[in-house]
Structure formats: structure tokens, C-alpha cells
Amino acid sequence: MDKRFRRRGTVWAGRGAELTRRTTFPFLLVVALLAASLSLKLPEAASRAIRSLAITFFLIQLGVWGNELIKIWLTRVAEKRRSEGDNAAVTTFASLGLLFRIVLWTVVVLLILQNLGVNVTAMLAGVGIIGLAVGFAAQSILADLFAFLAIVVDKPFLIGDFIANPSFSGTVERIGLRTTRIRSLSGEEIVIANSELLRSWIRDYARIKERWVSFTFAVSYETPAEKLAAVPAIVKEVVESVPKARFDRAHFKEYGEFGLIFEAAFFVESPSFREFMDARHAVNLGLRQRLEQEGIQFAFPVRRVLLERRGNDGG
């Protein structure tokens, strides 16, 4: 049957082939046993046992098929979203897949117990009471689970994002039901509870479109006024000569203790930290070269001590 599905070459044929591969041998054996029992005259107890066994294996097989269908659907959706560049949806569906499987197998187990004659209603009531007690005893676990749902729904970060908070920074490798695993810059894996992760602020550097740079520098007090007036234009010229750098502003900010302080700012039109640092390097180097060409000196800490000499007045 698997080969027949594959020969057809359609999407549904491929899915049919996957499902036939997931059909278990015990299920086929029980189906054969049930078919044989229908043609035989067996005691009522034996017939009931065979029917119950067949239904049990059929429900298990339904769970296996359902699990495979969830996998096929999630894979198809993830590939489509990934091709559209929607990484947020990929992360969401990958996380929801585990929840769908939990719900599926919970329903299968309940149906099997009901088929075996267990009073499922009474059992669920008892489980509810036990669940309340367990909930009080496992508040931290429940907090992590709810935090996982918050991450899946709100998407503060995605797998592959570089994030940072007051305690650590690194790349998100896995978002689990209880913990999130992060690979730090130094190489070690950081495992942190979801509730603890969401308790503080998080910087997501993967969502940066451009970076803003603000810096100050000081020139000597001996710099003439006409050259001071030309400094903002020099800064603009230097910034605009650097690839992916966009000039924002440059001003004579204040009189400092050791020099005349200028403040400047520009944008780096790239989320890459390496390109951000390359742009800063190029601007700093270019600014120094241009100021030297104009004869403008950077200020450096100088302390002048004036000694006043008084005549000998007998004091």
C-alpha cells in the first residue's frame, strides 16, 4: 500500500504513505483476530474480550495516526511560514505541536479506560481534586508552564534570537515547557526557568533594524571660533563617507573642565553588531584624521597651577 501511494506522486498520496508506515503490526494482528472471531462461534466472554482488545488497539492506532497528522501539518505550515520569513509563526507552531500531542493522547487514554470499563467521570472528578492539591504543591512548575504559554502567544523572543537581560546574554536554542536554553557568547549553555526569564526586562537584538550611536569628544580651548563652527560639518562629512552610516546631528555641547565638548550622533543602517562596530571604528578614525588636517587638536586633561609671588612685607 505504501508503494501504491508513492507511485501516485501527489501530496495526499505522500501523506497516505506516511500514515500506512505508521500502521503498527499489533493493530493489524488484532484486526485479523477480530475478523477471524466473527466467523467462529466463541463464548460470549471471549468475544467481548476480543472486541475490547480490538477497540483498545484501534484507539492506540488512531493516536499514532493523529500524532503523524499533527507532525505532517506542523511541518507543512512551518515550511510555508519559513519561506515567507515569518519566524515568529514557526516558533509558535513548533511549541503548540507538543500541546496538541498531549491533548490527543490524553483523549486516547480516557477512551481506552472507558472501553475497559473504568468510570472515567468519577476518575476525572478525583483527578480534579488531586490536581488542586498538586497545584498548590507545584506552583513553580505551573508558573513555568504559564510563562511558556506567554512566550508562545506574545512572542517576546524567538528561537535563534540573540537576547540579553541583567544576568546573561546569548542565543535562544530551545523553548521548552519549563525551561529555555540559551547559548552564551562564551559557549556554555544557560538553562533558565521560563517564569524567571520573563520576570525581568529582555533585550532582543535580533529585531534591531538599525543602531543609533551617540558619542562625545573634546577639542582644545585654543581652537579658534571659526574652526569650532566648522566641526559639525566635519563630523557630518566623515559620517556620510562611511558605508551604512547616516548622519543625525553634531553640536558644540558645553565647556568642559579640560576642553570644548562636542556631542554627535549617527545611525548604522544594519542590525549586525560587527557592522555597527566597523562603522564606529571608521567614524572615529576618520574624525581624528580630518581634525588633524584642519589643525584642530583634541583636548586632554591638563591642570594649570598659577603661583602668585608676593613681596616680602615682613608677614
Protein backbone atom coordinates (compact mmCIF):
# COMPACT_ATOMS: atom_id res chain seq x y z
CA MET A 1 0.00 0.00 0.00
CA ASP A 2 2.89 2.35 0.83
CA LYS A 3 4.35 1.78 -2.69
CA ARG A 4 0.95 2.38 -4.29
CA PHE A 5 0.58 5.74 -2.53
CA ARG A 6 4.09 6.77 -3.54
CA ARG A 7 3.56 5.86 -7.21
CA ARG A 8 0.72 8.37 -7.44
CA GLY A 9 3.09 11.22 -6.66
CA THR A 10 0.56 13.67 -5.15
CA VAL A 11 0.67 15.45 -1.81
CA TRP A 12 -2.17 13.37 -0.43
CA ALA A 13 -0.53 10.21 -1.73
CA GLY A 14 2.61 11.13 0.19
CA ARG A 15 0.62 11.67 3.35
CA GLY A 16 -1.15 8.36 2.82
CA ALA A 17 2.22 6.68 2.51
CA GLU A 18 3.35 8.22 5.80
CA LEU A 19 0.19 7.01 7.56
CA THR A 20 0.50 3.47 6.20
CA ARG A 21 4.07 3.35 7.51
CA ARG A 22 2.74 4.30 10.96
CA THR A 23 0.27 1.39 10.95
CA THR A 24 1.56 -0.99 13.62
CA PHE A 25 1.82 -4.76 13.29
CA PRO A 26 -0.05 -5.46 16.59
CA PHE A 27 -3.00 -3.45 15.27
CA LEU A 28 -3.12 -5.49 12.06
CA LEU A 29 -2.80 -8.71 14.10
CA VAL A 30 -5.72 -7.74 16.34
CA VAL A 31 -7.84 -6.77 13.30
CA ALA A 32 -7.14 -10.19 11.82
CA LEU A 33 -8.05 -11.83 15.12
CA LEU A 34 -11.33 -9.88 15.25
CA ALA A 35 -12.18 -10.84 11.66
CA ALA A 36 -11.49 -14.48 12.43
CA SER A 37 -13.61 -14.40 15.59
CA LEU A 38 -16.62 -13.13 13.60
CA SER A 39 -16.64 -16.38 11.58
CA LEU A 40 -16.27 -18.58 14.66
CA LYS A 41 -18.73 -19.45 17.36
CA LEU A 42 -16.94 -18.35 20.54
CA PRO A 43 -18.15 -17.99 24.11
CA GLU A 44 -19.64 -14.56 24.89
CA ALA A 45 -16.81 -13.71 27.32
CA ALA A 46 -14.17 -14.49 24.68
CA SER A 47 -15.99 -12.44 22.04
CA ARG A 48 -16.28 -9.49 24.43
CA ALA A 49 -12.59 -9.71 25.28
CA ILE A 50 -11.57 -9.77 21.61
CA ARG A 51 -13.83 -6.78 20.82
CA SER A 52 -12.46 -4.84 23.77
CA LEU A 53 -8.89 -5.68 22.74
CA ALA A 54 -9.62 -4.64 19.15
CA ILE A 55 -11.13 -1.32 20.22
CA THR A 56 -8.16 -0.65 22.51
CA PHE A 57 -5.63 -1.27 19.75
CA PHE A 58 -7.76 0.73 17.30
CA LEU A 59 -7.71 3.73 19.67
CA ILE A 60 -3.95 3.41 20.07
CA GLN A 61 -3.59 3.26 16.30
CA LEU A 62 -5.78 6.36 15.99
CA GLY A 63 -3.41 8.11 18.39
CA VAL A 64 -0.41 7.08 16.26
CA TRP A 65 -2.13 8.30 13.08
CA GLY A 66 -3.21 11.52 14.78
CA ASN A 67 0.31 12.13 16.03
CA GLU A 68 1.65 11.68 12.49
CA LEU A 69 -1.00 14.00 11.03
CA ILE A 70 -0.04 16.68 13.57
CA LYS A 71 3.61 16.25 12.58
CA ILE A 72 2.80 16.48 8.84
CA TRP A 73 0.61 19.55 9.34
CA LEU A 74 3.13 21.36 11.53
CA THR A 75 5.97 20.60 9.12
CA ARG A 76 3.96 21.92 6.18
CA VAL A 77 2.91 25.09 8.00
CA ALA A 78 6.44 25.69 9.31
CA GLU A 79 7.95 25.37 5.81
CA LYS A 80 5.37 27.77 4.38
CA ARG A 81 5.90 30.33 7.15
CA ARG A 82 9.67 30.00 6.91
CA SER A 83 9.55 30.67 3.17
CA GLU A 84 7.52 33.80 3.93
CA GLY A 85 10.09 34.91 6.53
CA ASP A 86 7.64 34.57 9.43
CA ASN A 87 9.96 33.05 12.06
CA ALA A 88 7.55 34.02 14.83
CA ALA A 89 4.87 31.68 13.46
CA VAL A 90 7.43 28.87 13.06
CA THR A 91 8.34 29.10 16.73
CA THR A 92 4.69 29.27 17.78
CA PHE A 93 3.61 26.20 15.81
CA ALA A 94 6.65 24.22 16.95
CA SER A 95 5.71 24.92 20.57
CA LEU A 96 2.00 24.24 20.07
CA GLY A 97 2.77 20.87 18.49
CA LEU A 98 3.68 19.41 21.88
CA LEU A 99 0.45 20.71 23.40
CA PHE A 100 -1.62 19.19 20.58
CA ARG A 101 0.03 15.80 21.15
CA ILE A 102 -0.60 15.97 24.90
CA VAL A 103 -4.30 16.67 24.29
CA LEU A 104 -4.52 13.90 21.67
CA TRP A 105 -3.01 11.20 23.89
CA THR A 106 -5.00 12.35 26.90
CA VAL A 107 -8.23 11.81 24.94
CA VAL A 108 -6.97 8.43 23.67
CA VAL A 109 -6.10 7.23 27.19
CA LEU A 110 -9.50 8.33 28.52
CA LEU A 111 -11.31 6.49 25.72
CA ILE A 112 -9.26 3.34 26.35
CA LEU A 113 -10.07 3.44 30.06
CA GLN A 114 -13.75 3.93 29.29
CA ASN A 115 -13.62 0.95 26.89
CA LEU A 116 -12.07 -1.17 29.65
CA GLY A 117 -14.98 -0.36 31.96
CA VAL A 118 -13.36 2.32 34.10
CA ASN A 119 -15.70 5.04 35.40
CA VAL A 120 -13.98 7.95 33.67
CA THR A 121 -16.35 10.59 35.12
CA ALA A 122 -15.61 9.62 38.69
CA MET A 123 -11.93 9.33 37.88
CA LEU A 124 -11.85 12.84 36.39
CA ALA A 125 -13.54 14.21 39.50
CA GLY A 126 -10.93 12.54 41.66
CA VAL A 127 -8.15 13.74 39.40
CA GLY A 128 -9.55 17.29 39.70
CA ILE A 129 -9.32 17.17 43.48
CA ILE A 130 -5.84 15.69 43.32
CA GLY A 131 -4.93 18.32 40.74
CA LEU A 132 -5.81 21.12 43.14
CA ALA A 133 -3.55 19.63 45.79
CA VAL A 134 -0.77 19.07 43.31
CA GLY A 135 -1.24 22.62 42.00
CA PHE A 136 -0.56 24.11 45.42
CA ALA A 137 2.49 21.88 45.81
CA ALA A 138 3.86 22.64 42.34
CA GLN A 139 3.23 26.34 41.95
CA SER A 140 6.66 26.97 40.44
CA ILE A 141 6.09 24.31 37.76
CA LEU A 142 2.69 25.80 36.88
CA ALA A 143 4.24 29.27 36.77
CA ASP A 144 6.80 27.98 34.25
CA LEU A 145 4.04 26.39 32.15
CA PHE A 146 2.01 29.62 32.07
CA ALA A 147 5.18 31.53 31.24
CA PHE A 148 5.73 29.10 28.33
CA LEU A 149 2.24 29.90 27.04
CA ALA A 150 3.01 33.62 27.37
CA ILE A 151 6.19 33.15 25.31
CA VAL A 152 4.30 31.19 22.63
CA VAL A 153 1.41 33.66 22.37
CA ASP A 154 3.16 37.00 22.95
CA LYS A 155 6.46 36.01 21.26
CA PRO A 156 8.86 38.31 23.18
CA PHE A 157 11.69 36.38 21.50
CA LEU A 158 12.11 33.51 19.04
CA ILE A 159 14.44 30.56 18.61
CA GLY A 160 17.65 31.89 17.09
CA ASP A 161 17.30 35.39 18.58
CA PHE A 162 20.19 36.93 20.49
CA ILE A 163 18.75 38.22 23.77
CA ALA A 164 20.13 39.79 26.93
CA ASN A 165 18.86 40.62 30.41
CA PRO A 166 20.63 41.88 33.56
CA SER A 167 22.07 38.41 34.28
CA PHE A 168 23.17 36.94 30.92
CA SER A 169 23.14 37.22 27.15
CA GLY A 170 23.12 34.61 24.38
CA THR A 171 21.27 32.94 21.51
CA VAL A 172 17.98 31.14 22.19
CA GLU A 173 18.34 27.47 21.18
CA ARG A 174 15.20 25.87 22.63
CA ILE A 175 11.97 26.97 24.33
CA GLY A 176 10.59 24.16 26.48
CA LEU A 177 7.53 23.74 28.69
CA ARG A 178 9.55 24.56 31.82
CA THR A 179 12.87 25.99 30.75
CA THR A 180 14.51 27.95 27.95
CA ARG A 181 18.01 27.02 26.80
CA ILE A 182 20.37 29.80 25.74
CA ARG A 183 23.88 29.54 24.30
CA SER A 184 26.10 32.30 25.68
CA LEU A 185 28.90 34.05 23.79
CA SER A 186 31.49 32.14 25.82
CA GLY A 187 29.98 28.83 24.66
CA GLU A 188 28.24 27.42 27.74
CA GLU A 189 24.54 26.55 27.76
CA ILE A 190 22.34 28.56 30.11
CA VAL A 191 19.18 26.79 31.30
CA ILE A 192 16.70 29.17 32.92
CA ALA A 193 13.10 28.70 34.08
CA ASN A 194 10.53 30.39 31.86
CA SER A 195 8.96 32.28 34.76
CA GLU A 196 12.37 33.54 35.87
CA LEU A 197 13.21 34.61 32.33
CA LEU A 198 10.06 36.72 31.98
CA ARG A 199 10.44 38.28 35.42
CA SER A 200 12.92 40.92 34.19
CA TRP A 201 13.39 43.01 31.06
CA ILE A 202 14.78 41.37 27.92
CA ARG A 203 16.68 42.97 25.06
CA ASP A 204 16.08 41.22 21.72
CA TYR A 205 18.92 42.23 19.40
CA ALA A 206 17.58 40.12 16.52
CA ARG A 207 14.76 42.62 15.95
CA ILE A 208 17.02 45.62 15.54
CA LYS A 209 16.64 47.29 12.14
CA GLU A 210 19.28 49.97 12.69
CA ARG A 211 21.52 51.10 15.53
CA TRP A 212 21.92 54.61 16.94
CA VAL A 213 25.34 55.84 18.07
CA SER A 214 25.90 58.83 20.32
CA PHE A 215 29.39 59.97 21.31
CA THR A 216 31.23 62.99 22.67
CA PHE A 217 34.71 64.38 22.11
CA ALA A 218 36.56 67.47 23.28
CA VAL A 219 38.84 69.87 21.43
CA SER A 220 41.38 72.23 22.88
CA TYR A 221 40.41 75.60 24.33
CA GLU A 222 43.00 77.13 21.99
CA THR A 223 40.84 76.25 18.96
CA PRO A 224 39.70 79.45 17.15
CA ALA A 225 35.97 80.17 16.98
CA GLU A 226 35.80 79.86 13.18
CA LYS A 227 37.24 76.34 13.38
CA LEU A 228 34.84 75.42 16.19
CA ALA A 229 31.97 76.41 13.93
CA ALA A 230 33.28 74.06 11.22
CA VAL A 231 33.46 70.97 13.47
CA PRO A 232 29.78 69.84 12.99
CA ALA A 233 30.22 69.97 9.20
CA ILE A 234 33.43 67.94 9.50
CA VAL A 235 31.62 65.30 11.59
CA LYS A 236 28.82 65.14 9.01
CA GLU A 237 31.34 64.73 6.18
CA VAL A 238 33.12 61.89 8.00
CA VAL A 239 29.90 60.03 8.88
CA GLU A 240 28.50 60.27 5.35
CA SER A 241 31.73 58.80 3.95
CA VAL A 242 31.22 55.58 5.95
CA PRO A 243 29.05 52.84 4.32
CA LYS A 244 25.67 52.24 6.01
CA ALA A 245 26.15 55.28 8.30
CA ARG A 246 23.53 58.05 8.33
CA PHE A 247 24.32 61.37 9.97
CA ASP A 248 21.94 62.57 12.68
CA ARG A 249 23.43 65.62 14.46
CA ALA A 250 26.57 67.29 15.84
CA HIS A 251 26.66 70.23 18.29
CA PHE A 252 29.04 72.21 20.46
CA LYS A 253 27.56 70.96 23.72
CA GLU A 254 29.37 72.64 26.61
CA TYR A 255 32.53 73.99 28.12
CA GLY A 256 34.30 71.14 29.85
CA GLU A 257 36.94 71.09 32.52
CA PHE A 258 39.69 70.28 30.04
CA GLY A 259 38.24 71.22 26.66
CA LEU A 260 35.32 72.28 24.47
CA ILE A 261 32.92 69.33 24.33
CA PHE A 262 31.02 68.33 21.18
CA GLU A 263 28.23 65.76 21.05
CA ALA A 264 27.42 63.88 17.82
CA ALA A 265 25.09 61.07 16.77
CA PHE A 266 24.55 58.89 13.72
CA PHE A 267 22.67 55.76 12.65
CA VAL A 268 24.15 52.49 11.42
CA GLU A 269 21.66 51.03 8.94
CA SER A 270 22.29 47.39 9.85
CA PRO A 271 21.32 45.06 12.74
CA SER A 272 24.76 43.42 12.65
CA PHE A 273 26.88 44.16 15.71
CA ARG A 274 30.05 43.66 13.66
CA GLU A 275 28.96 46.24 11.08
CA PHE A 276 27.94 48.54 13.93
CA MET A 277 31.44 48.37 15.43
CA ASP A 278 33.06 48.69 11.99
CA ALA A 279 31.13 51.92 11.43
CA ARG A 280 32.15 53.31 14.82
CA HIS A 281 35.76 52.42 14.10
CA ALA A 282 35.66 54.14 10.69
CA VAL A 283 33.99 57.28 12.09
CA ASN A 284 36.43 57.58 14.99
CA LEU A 285 39.44 57.12 12.73
CA GLY A 286 38.11 59.44 10.04
CA LEU A 287 37.25 62.16 12.55
CA ARG A 288 40.73 62.13 14.00
CA GLN A 289 42.31 62.38 10.56
CA ARG A 290 40.06 65.27 9.47
CA LEU A 291 40.58 67.27 12.66
CA GLU A 292 44.35 66.85 12.31
CA GLN A 293 44.10 68.13 8.72
CA GLU A 294 42.24 71.21 9.96
CA GLY A 295 44.76 71.82 12.72
CA ILE A 296 42.22 71.16 15.47
CA GLN A 297 43.66 69.37 18.48
CA PHE A 298 41.79 67.05 20.81
CA ALA A 299 41.75 68.18 24.40
CA PHE A 300 43.50 66.14 27.05
CA PRO A 301 43.48 66.55 30.83
CA VAL A 302 45.64 69.49 31.79
CA ARG A 303 45.79 71.20 35.12
CA ARG A 304 47.42 74.58 35.32
CA VAL A 305 48.71 75.85 38.64
CA LEU A 306 49.25 79.61 38.89
CA LEU A 307 51.70 80.68 41.58
CA GLU A 308 51.37 84.19 42.83
CA ARG A 309 54.60 85.68 44.13
CA ARG A 310 54.19 88.25 46.87
CA GLY A 311 56.79 90.68 48.03
CA ASN A 312 58.40 90.39 51.49
CA ASP A 313 56.17 92.53 53.66
CA GLY A 314 57.52 91.19 56.91
CA GLY A 315 54.49 88.94 57.42
